[in-house]
Amino acid sequence: MLTVVLIVNALIALLCLYVAWQVWNLRRVLANVADTLISVERNTYAVLHGAPNAIIKGQRGTRQLRKQYRQLQTQLQRAEQVLGLLSLGQTAWRRRSTVVRRFKP
């Protein structure tokens, strides 16, 4: 009977030792995962920390470029009108010159 108790005790001790070893391994793995997550969080923060300011700066730049584009578009329309008038004037001048040459004696 004593032998059975000792064997059962030894088996329980081995089982507890195995469970303790598994828990220790799990703790080690969880510690590594936690360290990795902390590192990822720090790197993400370092990369994205300045993002809001950069986005705001980009939005301001885009707004300014759109304003300049509208102004340039207006100037382009005016230049096209002027060139159209000059072309019309040139065409009229050529026709006038042709008509004057025909009627010159």
PDB file of N, CA and C in Angstrom:
ATOM      1  N   MET A   1       0.810  -1.180   0.000  1.00  0.00           N
ATOM      2  CA  MET A   1       0.000   0.000   0.000  1.00  0.00           C
ATOM      3  C   MET A   1       0.867   1.262   0.000  1.00  0.00           C
ATOM      4  N   LEU A   2       1.928   1.225   0.761  1.00  0.00           N
ATOM      5  CA  LEU A   2       2.842   2.351   0.821  1.00  0.00           C
ATOM      6  C   LEU A   2       3.458   2.591  -0.545  1.00  0.00           C
ATOM      7  N   THR A   3       3.738   1.562  -1.272  1.00  0.00           N
ATOM      8  CA  THR A   3       4.331   1.684  -2.600  1.00  0.00           C
ATOM      9  C   THR A   3       3.350   2.368  -3.552  1.00  0.00           C
ATOM     10  N   VAL A   4       2.098   2.018  -3.475  1.00  0.00           N
ATOM     11  CA  VAL A   4       1.083   2.631  -4.333  1.00  0.00           C
ATOM     12  C   VAL A   4       0.984   4.115  -4.020  1.00  0.00           C
ATOM     13  N   VAL A   5       0.992   4.498  -2.761  1.00  0.00           N
ATOM     14  CA  VAL A   5       0.910   5.907  -2.358  1.00  0.00           C
ATOM     15  C   VAL A   5       2.132   6.654  -2.860  1.00  0.00           C
ATOM     16  N   LEU A   6       3.301   6.065  -2.737  1.00  0.00           N
ATOM     17  CA  LEU A   6       4.531   6.716  -3.206  1.00  0.00           C
ATOM     18  C   LEU A   6       4.501   6.880  -4.727  1.00  0.00           C
ATOM     19  N   ILE A   7       4.044   5.871  -5.439  1.00  0.00           N
ATOM     20  CA  ILE A   7       3.983   5.959  -6.900  1.00  0.00           C
ATOM     21  C   ILE A   7       2.970   7.025  -7.331  1.00  0.00           C
ATOM     22  N   VAL A   8       1.797   7.040  -6.679  1.00  0.00           N
ATOM     23  CA  VAL A   8       0.785   8.052  -6.990  1.00  0.00           C
ATOM     24  C   VAL A   8       1.328   9.433  -6.666  1.00  0.00           C
ATOM     25  N   ASN A   9       2.015   9.571  -5.538  1.00  0.00           N
ATOM     26  CA  ASN A   9       2.622  10.849  -5.148  1.00  0.00           C
ATOM     27  C   ASN A   9       3.659  11.284  -6.178  1.00  0.00           C
ATOM     28  N   ALA A  10       4.485  10.354  -6.637  1.00  0.00           N
ATOM     29  CA  ALA A  10       5.509  10.659  -7.637  1.00  0.00           C
ATOM     30  C   ALA A  10       4.855  11.093  -8.948  1.00  0.00           C
ATOM     31  N   LEU A  11       3.784  10.401  -9.341  1.00  0.00           N
ATOM     32  CA  LEU A  11       3.082  10.769 -10.575  1.00  0.00           C
ATOM     33  C   LEU A  11       2.455  12.157 -10.451  1.00  0.00           C
ATOM     34  N   ILE A  12       1.866  12.433  -9.289  1.00  0.00           N
ATOM     35  CA  ILE A  12       1.285  13.767  -9.063  1.00  0.00           C
ATOM     36  C   ILE A  12       2.388  14.823  -9.099  1.00  0.00           C
ATOM     37  N   ALA A  13       3.526  14.542  -8.498  1.00  0.00           N
ATOM     38  CA  ALA A  13       4.650  15.482  -8.487  1.00  0.00           C
ATOM     39  C   ALA A  13       5.155  15.718  -9.908  1.00  0.00           C
ATOM     40  N   LEU A  14       5.275  14.633 -10.706  1.00  0.00           N
ATOM     41  CA  LEU A  14       5.726  14.784 -12.096  1.00  0.00           C
ATOM     42  C   LEU A  14       4.709  15.587 -12.915  1.00  0.00           C
ATOM     43  N   LEU A  15       3.428  15.325 -12.688  1.00  0.00           N
ATOM     44  CA  LEU A  15       2.385  16.073 -13.384  1.00  0.00           C
ATOM     45  C   LEU A  15       2.452  17.557 -13.013  1.00  0.00           C
ATOM     46  N   CYS A  16       2.626  17.841 -11.739  1.00  0.00           N
ATOM     47  CA  CYS A  16       2.733  19.240 -11.292  1.00  0.00           C
ATOM     48  C   CYS A  16       3.988  19.895 -11.853  1.00  0.00           C
ATOM     49  N   LEU A  17       5.092  19.138 -11.917  1.00  0.00           N
ATOM     50  CA  LEU A  17       6.325  19.663 -12.497  1.00  0.00           C
ATOM     51  C   LEU A  17       6.125  19.984 -13.977  1.00  0.00           C
ATOM     52  N   TYR A  18       5.430  19.095 -14.708  1.00  0.00           N
ATOM     53  CA  TYR A  18       5.154  19.317 -16.127  1.00  0.00           C
ATOM     54  C   TYR A  18       4.269  20.557 -16.315  1.00  0.00           C
ATOM     55  N   VAL A  19       3.232  20.690 -15.493  1.00  0.00           N
ATOM     56  CA  VAL A  19       2.343  21.853 -15.584  1.00  0.00           C
ATOM     57  C   VAL A  19       3.113  23.129 -15.260  1.00  0.00           C
ATOM     58  N   ALA A  20       3.977  23.104 -14.260  1.00  0.00           N
ATOM     59  CA  ALA A  20       4.786  24.275 -13.899  1.00  0.00           C
ATOM     60  C   ALA A  20       5.719  24.653 -15.050  1.00  0.00           C
ATOM     61  N   TRP A  21       6.309  23.640 -15.683  1.00  0.00           N
ATOM     62  CA  TRP A  21       7.207  23.906 -16.811  1.00  0.00           C
ATOM     63  C   TRP A  21       6.432  24.532 -17.976  1.00  0.00           C
ATOM     64  N   GLN A  22       5.225  24.056 -18.259  1.00  0.00           N
ATOM     65  CA  GLN A  22       4.394  24.614 -19.324  1.00  0.00           C
ATOM     66  C   GLN A  22       3.983  26.054 -19.003  1.00  0.00           C
ATOM     67  N   VAL A  23       3.645  26.309 -17.751  1.00  0.00           N
ATOM     68  CA  VAL A  23       3.279  27.664 -17.338  1.00  0.00           C
ATOM     69  C   VAL A  23       4.477  28.591 -17.474  1.00  0.00           C
ATOM     70  N   TRP A  24       5.664  28.103 -17.093  1.00  0.00           N
ATOM     71  CA  TRP A  24       6.883  28.911 -17.217  1.00  0.00           C
ATOM     72  C   TRP A  24       7.158  29.222 -18.686  1.00  0.00           C
ATOM     73  N   ASN A  25       7.003  28.251 -19.583  1.00  0.00           N
ATOM     74  CA  ASN A  25       7.188  28.485 -21.016  1.00  0.00           C
ATOM     75  C   ASN A  25       6.161  29.475 -21.552  1.00  0.00           C
ATOM     76  N   LEU A  26       4.917  29.335 -21.110  1.00  0.00           N
ATOM     77  CA  LEU A  26       3.863  30.252 -21.534  1.00  0.00           C
ATOM     78  C   LEU A  26       4.166  31.668 -21.069  1.00  0.00           C
ATOM     79  N   ARG A  27       4.653  31.815 -19.836  1.00  0.00           N
ATOM     80  CA  ARG A  27       5.015  33.142 -19.317  1.00  0.00           C
ATOM     81  C   ARG A  27       6.121  33.751 -20.156  1.00  0.00           C
ATOM     82  N   ARG A  28       7.100  32.932 -20.537  1.00  0.00           N
ATOM     83  CA  ARG A  28       8.214  33.422 -21.349  1.00  0.00           C
ATOM     84  C   ARG A  28       7.715  33.864 -22.733  1.00  0.00           C
ATOM     85  N   VAL A  29       6.853  33.088 -23.340  1.00  0.00           N
ATOM     86  CA  VAL A  29       6.302  33.445 -24.650  1.00  0.00           C
ATOM     87  C   VAL A  29       5.472  34.720 -24.546  1.00  0.00           C
ATOM     88  N   LEU A  30       4.647  34.817 -23.504  1.00  0.00           N
ATOM     89  CA  LEU A  30       3.828  36.016 -23.321  1.00  0.00           C
ATOM     90  C   LEU A  30       4.693  37.251 -23.068  1.00  0.00           C
ATOM     91  N   ALA A  31       5.785  37.087 -22.360  1.00  0.00           N
ATOM     92  CA  ALA A  31       6.699  38.206 -22.126  1.00  0.00           C
ATOM     93  C   ALA A  31       7.312  38.668 -23.448  1.00  0.00           C
ATOM     94  N   ASN A  32       7.695  37.717 -24.310  1.00  0.00           N
ATOM     95  CA  ASN A  32       8.252  38.080 -25.616  1.00  0.00           C
ATOM     96  C   ASN A  32       7.211  38.790 -26.481  1.00  0.00           C
ATOM     97  N   VAL A  33       5.984  38.302 -26.449  1.00  0.00           N
ATOM     98  CA  VAL A  33       4.907  38.939 -27.206  1.00  0.00           C
ATOM     99  C   VAL A  33       4.668  40.353 -26.692  1.00  0.00           C
ATOM    100  N   ALA A  34       4.667  40.519 -25.382  1.00  0.00           N
ATOM    101  CA  ALA A  34       4.463  41.852 -24.795  1.00  0.00           C
ATOM    102  C   ALA A  34       5.587  42.796 -25.202  1.00  0.00           C
ATOM    103  N   ASP A  35       6.828  42.315 -25.164  1.00  0.00           N
ATOM    104  CA  ASP A  35       7.961  43.151 -25.583  1.00  0.00           C
ATOM    105  C   ASP A  35       7.839  43.545 -27.052  1.00  0.00           C
ATOM    106  N   THR A  36       7.437  42.592 -27.872  1.00  0.00           N
ATOM    107  CA  THR A  36       7.260  42.888 -29.301  1.00  0.00           C
ATOM    108  C   THR A  36       6.163  43.912 -29.512  1.00  0.00           C
ATOM    109  N   LEU A  37       5.050  43.761 -28.808  1.00  0.00           N
ATOM    110  CA  LEU A  37       3.951  44.720 -28.939  1.00  0.00           C
ATOM    111  C   LEU A  37       4.356  46.115 -28.475  1.00  0.00           C
ATOM    112  N   ILE A  38       5.123  46.184 -27.413  1.00  0.00           N
ATOM    113  CA  ILE A  38       5.608  47.486 -26.934  1.00  0.00           C
ATOM    114  C   ILE A  38       6.513  48.122 -27.978  1.00  0.00           C
ATOM    115  N   SER A  39       7.388  47.322 -28.563  1.00  0.00           N
ATOM    116  CA  SER A  39       8.276  47.831 -29.608  1.00  0.00           C
ATOM    117  C   SER A  39       7.487  48.320 -30.822  1.00  0.00           C
ATOM    118  N   VAL A  40       6.488  47.547 -31.219  1.00  0.00           N
ATOM    119  CA  VAL A  40       5.653  47.945 -32.356  1.00  0.00           C
ATOM    120  C   VAL A  40       4.919  49.238 -32.035  1.00  0.00           C
ATOM    121  N   GLU A  41       4.398  49.351 -30.833  1.00  0.00           N
ATOM    122  CA  GLU A  41       3.676  50.568 -30.439  1.00  0.00           C
ATOM    123  C   GLU A  41       4.601  51.776 -30.458  1.00  0.00           C
ATOM    124  N   ARG A  42       5.817  51.629 -29.965  1.00  0.00           N
ATOM    125  CA  ARG A  42       6.779  52.745 -29.966  1.00  0.00           C
ATOM    126  C   ARG A  42       7.133  53.157 -31.391  1.00  0.00           C
ATOM    127  N   ASN A  43       7.380  52.168 -32.246  1.00  0.00           N
ATOM    128  CA  ASN A  43       7.735  52.485 -33.629  1.00  0.00           C
ATOM    129  C   ASN A  43       6.566  53.138 -34.364  1.00  0.00           C
ATOM    130  N   THR A  44       5.364  52.638 -34.129  1.00  0.00           N
ATOM    131  CA  THR A  44       4.185  53.226 -34.751  1.00  0.00           C
ATOM    132  C   THR A  44       3.994  54.661 -34.267  1.00  0.00           C
ATOM    133  N   TYR A  45       4.173  54.891 -33.006  1.00  0.00           N
ATOM    134  CA  TYR A  45       4.047  56.238 -32.469  1.00  0.00           C
ATOM    135  C   TYR A  45       5.095  57.161 -33.092  1.00  0.00           C
ATOM    136  N   ALA A  46       6.331  56.651 -33.198  1.00  0.00           N
ATOM    137  CA  ALA A  46       7.401  57.471 -33.776  1.00  0.00           C
ATOM    138  C   ALA A  46       7.090  57.841 -35.221  1.00  0.00           C
ATOM    139  N   VAL A  47       6.511  56.913 -35.959  1.00  0.00           N
ATOM    140  CA  VAL A  47       6.209  57.174 -37.364  1.00  0.00           C
ATOM    141  C   VAL A  47       5.003  58.094 -37.505  1.00  0.00           C
ATOM    142  N   LEU A  48       3.964  57.857 -36.727  1.00  0.00           N
ATOM    143  CA  LEU A  48       2.705  58.585 -36.908  1.00  0.00           C
ATOM    144  C   LEU A  48       2.560  59.817 -36.027  1.00  0.00           C
ATOM    145  N   HIS A  49       3.516  60.060 -35.145  1.00  0.00           N
ATOM    146  CA  HIS A  49       3.399  61.186 -34.212  1.00  0.00           C
ATOM    147  C   HIS A  49       3.249  62.517 -34.950  1.00  0.00           C
ATOM    148  N   GLY A  50       4.007  62.714 -36.001  1.00  0.00           N
ATOM    149  CA  GLY A  50       3.947  63.984 -36.733  1.00  0.00           C
ATOM    150  C   GLY A  50       2.916  64.005 -37.838  1.00  0.00           C
ATOM    151  N   ALA A  51       2.168  62.938 -38.013  1.00  0.00           N
ATOM    152  CA  ALA A  51       1.224  62.848 -39.125  1.00  0.00           C
ATOM    153  C   ALA A  51       0.146  63.929 -39.098  1.00  0.00           C
ATOM    154  N   PRO A  52      -0.492  64.225 -37.966  1.00  0.00           N
ATOM    155  CA  PRO A  52      -1.540  65.255 -38.003  1.00  0.00           C
ATOM    156  C   PRO A  52      -1.019  66.606 -38.488  1.00  0.00           C
ATOM    157  N   ASN A  53       0.141  67.007 -38.017  1.00  0.00           N
ATOM    158  CA  ASN A  53       0.704  68.283 -38.466  1.00  0.00           C
ATOM    159  C   ASN A  53       1.045  68.242 -39.947  1.00  0.00           C
ATOM    160  N   ALA A  54       1.580  67.119 -40.404  1.00  0.00           N
ATOM    161  CA  ALA A  54       1.916  66.992 -41.820  1.00  0.00           C
ATOM    162  C   ALA A  54       0.656  67.019 -42.679  1.00  0.00           C
ATOM    163  N   ILE A  55      -0.404  66.394 -42.215  1.00  0.00           N
ATOM    164  CA  ILE A  55      -1.663  66.394 -42.967  1.00  0.00           C
ATOM    165  C   ILE A  55      -2.227  67.810 -43.043  1.00  0.00           C
ATOM    166  N   ILE A  56      -2.199  68.524 -41.933  1.00  0.00           N
ATOM    167  CA  ILE A  56      -2.695  69.905 -41.918  1.00  0.00           C
ATOM    168  C   ILE A  56      -1.864  70.769 -42.853  1.00  0.00           C
ATOM    169  N   LYS A  57      -0.561  70.602 -42.815  1.00  0.00           N
ATOM    170  CA  LYS A  57       0.323  71.368 -43.693  1.00  0.00           C
ATOM    171  C   LYS A  57       0.038  71.042 -45.158  1.00  0.00           C
ATOM    172  N   GLY A  58      -0.187  69.777 -45.450  1.00  0.00           N
ATOM    173  CA  GLY A  58      -0.523  69.375 -46.813  1.00  0.00           C
ATOM    174  C   GLY A  58      -1.847  69.957 -47.267  1.00  0.00           C
ATOM    175  N   GLN A  59      -2.820  69.983 -46.366  1.00  0.00           N
ATOM    176  CA  GLN A  59      -4.120  70.560 -46.717  1.00  0.00           C
ATOM    177  C   GLN A  59      -3.980  72.045 -47.011  1.00  0.00           C
ATOM    178  N   ARG A  60      -3.185  72.742 -46.219  1.00  0.00           N
ATOM    179  CA  ARG A  60      -2.966  74.172 -46.471  1.00  0.00           C
ATOM    180  C   ARG A  60      -2.302  74.381 -47.827  1.00  0.00           C
ATOM    181  N   GLY A  61      -1.291  73.564 -48.100  1.00  0.00           N
ATOM    182  CA  GLY A  61      -0.598  73.666 -49.388  1.00  0.00           C
ATOM    183  C   GLY A  61      -1.529  73.382 -50.550  1.00  0.00           C
ATOM    184  N   THR A  62      -2.378  72.389 -50.403  1.00  0.00           N
ATOM    185  CA  THR A  62      -3.333  72.054 -51.454  1.00  0.00           C
ATOM    186  C   THR A  62      -4.319  73.191 -51.665  1.00  0.00           C
ATOM    187  N   ARG A  63      -4.789  73.766 -50.576  1.00  0.00           N
ATOM    188  CA  ARG A  63      -5.724  74.900 -50.669  1.00  0.00           C
ATOM    189  C   ARG A  63      -5.068  76.067 -51.400  1.00  0.00           C
ATOM    190  N   GLN A  64      -3.801  76.341 -51.066  1.00  0.00           N
ATOM    191  CA  GLN A  64      -3.075  77.442 -51.704  1.00  0.00           C
ATOM    192  C   GLN A  64      -2.871  77.153 -53.195  1.00  0.00           C
ATOM    193  N   LEU A  65      -2.534  75.902 -53.521  1.00  0.00           N
ATOM    194  CA  LEU A  65      -2.344  75.548 -54.926  1.00  0.00           C
ATOM    195  C   LEU A  65      -3.642  75.673 -55.715  1.00  0.00           C
ATOM    196  N   ARG A  66      -4.756  75.282 -55.112  1.00  0.00           N
ATOM    197  CA  ARG A  66      -6.038  75.419 -55.797  1.00  0.00           C
ATOM    198  C   ARG A  66      -6.374  76.884 -56.051  1.00  0.00           C
ATOM    199  N   LYS A  67      -6.062  77.736 -55.079  1.00  0.00           N
ATOM    200  CA  LYS A  67      -6.300  79.168 -55.231  1.00  0.00           C
ATOM    201  C   LYS A  67      -5.442  79.717 -56.364  1.00  0.00           C
ATOM    202  N   GLN A  68      -4.174  79.346 -56.385  1.00  0.00           N
ATOM    203  CA  GLN A  68      -3.278  79.800 -57.453  1.00  0.00           C
ATOM    204  C   GLN A  68      -3.743  79.270 -58.804  1.00  0.00           C
ATOM    205  N   TYR A  69      -4.214  78.034 -58.826  1.00  0.00           N
ATOM    206  CA  TYR A  69      -4.690  77.448 -60.074  1.00  0.00           C
ATOM    207  C   TYR A  69      -5.887  78.227 -60.611  1.00  0.00           C
ATOM    208  N   ARG A  70      -6.814  78.595 -59.722  1.00  0.00           N
ATOM    209  CA  ARG A  70      -7.972  79.393 -60.155  1.00  0.00           C
ATOM    210  C   ARG A  70      -7.517  80.735 -60.723  1.00  0.00           C
ATOM    211  N   GLN A  71      -6.538  81.372 -60.049  1.00  0.00           N
ATOM    212  CA  GLN A  71      -6.036  82.649 -60.547  1.00  0.00           C
ATOM    213  C   GLN A  71      -5.363  82.477 -61.906  1.00  0.00           C
ATOM    214  N   LEU A  72      -4.573  81.432 -62.050  1.00  0.00           N
ATOM    215  CA  LEU A  72      -3.913  81.186 -63.327  1.00  0.00           C
ATOM    216  C   LEU A  72      -4.919  80.845 -64.419  1.00  0.00           C
ATOM    217  N   GLN A  73      -5.978  80.143 -64.046  1.00  0.00           N
ATOM    218  CA  GLN A  73      -7.006  79.807 -65.016  1.00  0.00           C
ATOM    219  C   GLN A  73      -7.686  81.083 -65.520  1.00  0.00           C
ATOM    220  N   THR A  74      -7.947  82.018 -64.620  1.00  0.00           N
ATOM    221  CA  THR A  74      -8.528  83.298 -65.006  1.00  0.00           C
ATOM    222  C   THR A  74      -7.571  84.054 -65.923  1.00  0.00           C
ATOM    223  N   GLN A  75      -6.299  84.069 -65.575  1.00  0.00           N
ATOM    224  CA  GLN A  75      -5.304  84.752 -66.419  1.00  0.00           C
ATOM    225  C   GLN A  75      -5.204  84.093 -67.791  1.00  0.00           C
ATOM    226  N   LEU A  76      -5.292  82.772 -67.819  1.00  0.00           N
ATOM    227  CA  LEU A  76      -5.237  82.045 -69.084  1.00  0.00           C
ATOM    228  C   LEU A  76      -6.435  82.405 -69.952  1.00  0.00           C
ATOM    229  N   GLN A  77      -7.616  82.496 -69.356  1.00  0.00           N
ATOM    230  CA  GLN A  77      -8.805  82.878 -70.120  1.00  0.00           C
ATOM    231  C   GLN A  77      -8.639  84.281 -70.701  1.00  0.00           C
ATOM    232  N   ARG A  78      -8.103  85.185 -69.905  1.00  0.00           N
ATOM    233  CA  ARG A  78      -7.883  86.548 -70.396  1.00  0.00           C
ATOM    234  C   ARG A  78      -6.865  86.546 -71.534  1.00  0.00           C
ATOM    235  N   ALA A  79      -5.792  85.784 -71.369  1.00  0.00           N
ATOM    236  CA  ALA A  79      -4.774  85.717 -72.414  1.00  0.00           C
ATOM    237  C   ALA A  79      -5.356  85.111 -73.688  1.00  0.00           C
ATOM    238  N   GLU A  80      -6.198  84.090 -73.552  1.00  0.00           N
ATOM    239  CA  GLU A  80      -6.849  83.492 -74.726  1.00  0.00           C
ATOM    240  C   GLU A  80      -7.762  84.502 -75.410  1.00  0.00           C
ATOM    241  N   GLN A  81      -8.470  85.320 -74.625  1.00  0.00           N
ATOM    242  CA  GLN A  81      -9.330  86.342 -75.207  1.00  0.00           C
ATOM    243  C   GLN A  81      -8.501  87.376 -75.963  1.00  0.00           C
ATOM    244  N   VAL A  82      -7.408  87.793 -75.351  1.00  0.00           N
ATOM    245  CA  VAL A  82      -6.534  88.779 -76.000  1.00  0.00           C
ATOM    246  C   VAL A  82      -5.963  88.196 -77.287  1.00  0.00           C
ATOM    247  N   LEU A  83      -5.484  86.959 -77.235  1.00  0.00           N
ATOM    248  CA  LEU A  83      -4.938  86.328 -78.432  1.00  0.00           C
ATOM    249  C   LEU A  83      -6.016  86.147 -79.499  1.00  0.00           C
ATOM    250  N   GLY A  84      -7.233  85.833 -79.070  1.00  0.00           N
ATOM    251  CA  GLY A  84      -8.339  85.729 -80.021  1.00  0.00           C
ATOM    252  C   GLY A  84      -8.618  87.055 -80.699  1.00  0.00           C
ATOM    253  N   LEU A  85      -8.604  88.131 -79.908  1.00  0.00           N
ATOM    254  CA  LEU A  85      -8.821  89.459 -80.486  1.00  0.00           C
ATOM    255  C   LEU A  85      -7.682  89.835 -81.429  1.00  0.00           C
ATOM    256  N   LEU A  86      -6.462  89.519 -81.029  1.00  0.00           N
ATOM    257  CA  LEU A  86      -5.318  89.807 -81.907  1.00  0.00           C
ATOM    258  C   LEU A  86      -5.415  89.018 -83.211  1.00  0.00           C
ATOM    259  N   SER A  87      -5.822  87.768 -83.108  1.00  0.00           N
ATOM    260  CA  SER A  87      -5.987  86.940 -84.299  1.00  0.00           C
ATOM    261  C   SER A  87      -7.084  87.500 -85.189  1.00  0.00           C
ATOM    262  N   LEU A  88      -8.173  87.912 -84.581  1.00  0.00           N
ATOM    263  CA  LEU A  88      -9.267  88.512 -85.340  1.00  0.00           C
ATOM    264  C   LEU A  88      -8.806  89.802 -86.010  1.00  0.00           C
ATOM    265  N   GLY A  89      -8.067  90.603 -85.260  1.00  0.00           N
ATOM    266  CA  GLY A  89      -7.524  91.843 -85.822  1.00  0.00           C
ATOM    267  C   GLY A  89      -6.560  91.562 -86.964  1.00  0.00           C
ATOM    268  N   GLN A  90      -5.740  90.546 -86.807  1.00  0.00           N
ATOM    269  CA  GLN A  90      -4.784  90.186 -87.853  1.00  0.00           C
ATOM    270  C   GLN A  90      -5.532  89.718 -89.104  1.00  0.00           C
ATOM    271  N   THR A  91      -6.556  88.920 -88.897  1.00  0.00           N
ATOM    272  CA  THR A  91      -7.355  88.447 -90.039  1.00  0.00           C
ATOM    273  C   THR A  91      -8.028  89.627 -90.729  1.00  0.00           C
ATOM    274  N   ALA A  92      -8.597  90.520 -89.954  1.00  0.00           N
ATOM    275  CA  ALA A  92      -9.254  91.703 -90.520  1.00  0.00           C
ATOM    276  C   ALA A  92      -8.231  92.567 -91.256  1.00  0.00           C
ATOM    277  N   TRP A  93      -7.063  92.719 -90.710  1.00  0.00           N
ATOM    278  CA  TRP A  93      -6.007  93.525 -91.343  1.00  0.00           C
ATOM    279  C   TRP A  93      -5.586  92.905 -92.666  1.00  0.00           C
ATOM    280  N   ARG A  94      -5.463  91.586 -92.704  1.00  0.00           N
ATOM    281  CA  ARG A  94      -5.090  90.908 -93.955  1.00  0.00           C
ATOM    282  C   ARG A  94      -6.168  91.100 -95.018  1.00  0.00           C
ATOM    283  N   ARG A  95      -7.431  90.950 -94.600  1.00  0.00           N
ATOM    284  CA  ARG A  95      -8.522  91.136 -95.551  1.00  0.00           C
ATOM    285  C   ARG A  95      -8.566  92.574 -96.061  1.00  0.00           C
ATOM    286  N   ARG A  96      -8.332  93.510 -95.150  1.00  0.00           N
ATOM    287  CA  ARG A  96      -8.326  94.920 -95.535  1.00  0.00           C
ATOM    288  C   ARG A  96      -7.200  95.172 -96.513  1.00  0.00           C
ATOM    289  N   SER A  97      -6.037  94.607 -96.225  1.00  0.00           N
ATOM    290  CA  SER A  97      -4.892  94.794 -97.120  1.00  0.00           C
ATOM    291  C   SER A  97      -5.179  94.189 -98.481  1.00  0.00           C
ATOM    292  N   THR A  98      -5.845  93.055 -98.521  1.00  0.00           N
ATOM    293  CA  THR A  98      -6.175  92.402 -99.779  1.00  0.00           C
ATOM    294  C   THR A  98      -7.182  93.240-100.552  1.00  0.00           C
ATOM    295  N   VAL A  99      -8.171  93.757 -99.865  1.00  0.00           N
ATOM    296  CA  VAL A  99      -9.193  94.580-100.505  1.00  0.00           C
ATOM    297  C   VAL A  99      -8.570  95.866-101.013  1.00  0.00           C
ATOM    298  N   VAL A 100      -7.690  96.473-100.242  1.00  0.00           N
ATOM    299  CA  VAL A 100      -7.047  97.736-100.648  1.00  0.00           C
ATOM    300  C   VAL A 100      -6.185  97.489-101.877  1.00  0.00           C
ATOM    301  N   ARG A 101      -5.471  96.376-101.947  1.00  0.00           N
ATOM    302  CA  ARG A 101      -4.617  96.076-103.092  1.00  0.00           C
ATOM    303  C   ARG A 101      -5.449  95.854-104.349  1.00  0.00           C
ATOM    304  N   ARG A 102      -6.603  95.268-104.188  1.00  0.00           N
ATOM    305  CA  ARG A 102      -7.462  94.999-105.360  1.00  0.00           C
ATOM    306  C   ARG A 102      -7.987  96.302-105.957  1.00  0.00           C
ATOM    307  N   PHE A 103      -8.307  97.240-105.098  1.00  0.00           N
ATOM    308  CA  PHE A 103      -8.896  98.482-105.581  1.00  0.00           C
ATOM    309  C   PHE A 103      -7.867  99.561-105.882  1.00  0.00           C
ATOM    310  N   LYS A 104      -6.630  99.319-105.682  1.00  0.00           N
ATOM    311  CA  LYS A 104      -5.586 100.288-106.015  1.00  0.00           C
ATOM    312  C   LYS A 104      -5.369 100.263-107.535  1.00  0.00           C
ATOM    313  N   PRO A 105      -5.296 101.419-108.089  1.00  0.00           N
ATOM    314  CA  PRO A 105      -5.061 101.463-109.550  1.00  0.00           C
ATOM    315  C   PRO A 105      -3.636 101.205-109.937  1.00  0.00           C
TER     316      PRO A 105
END
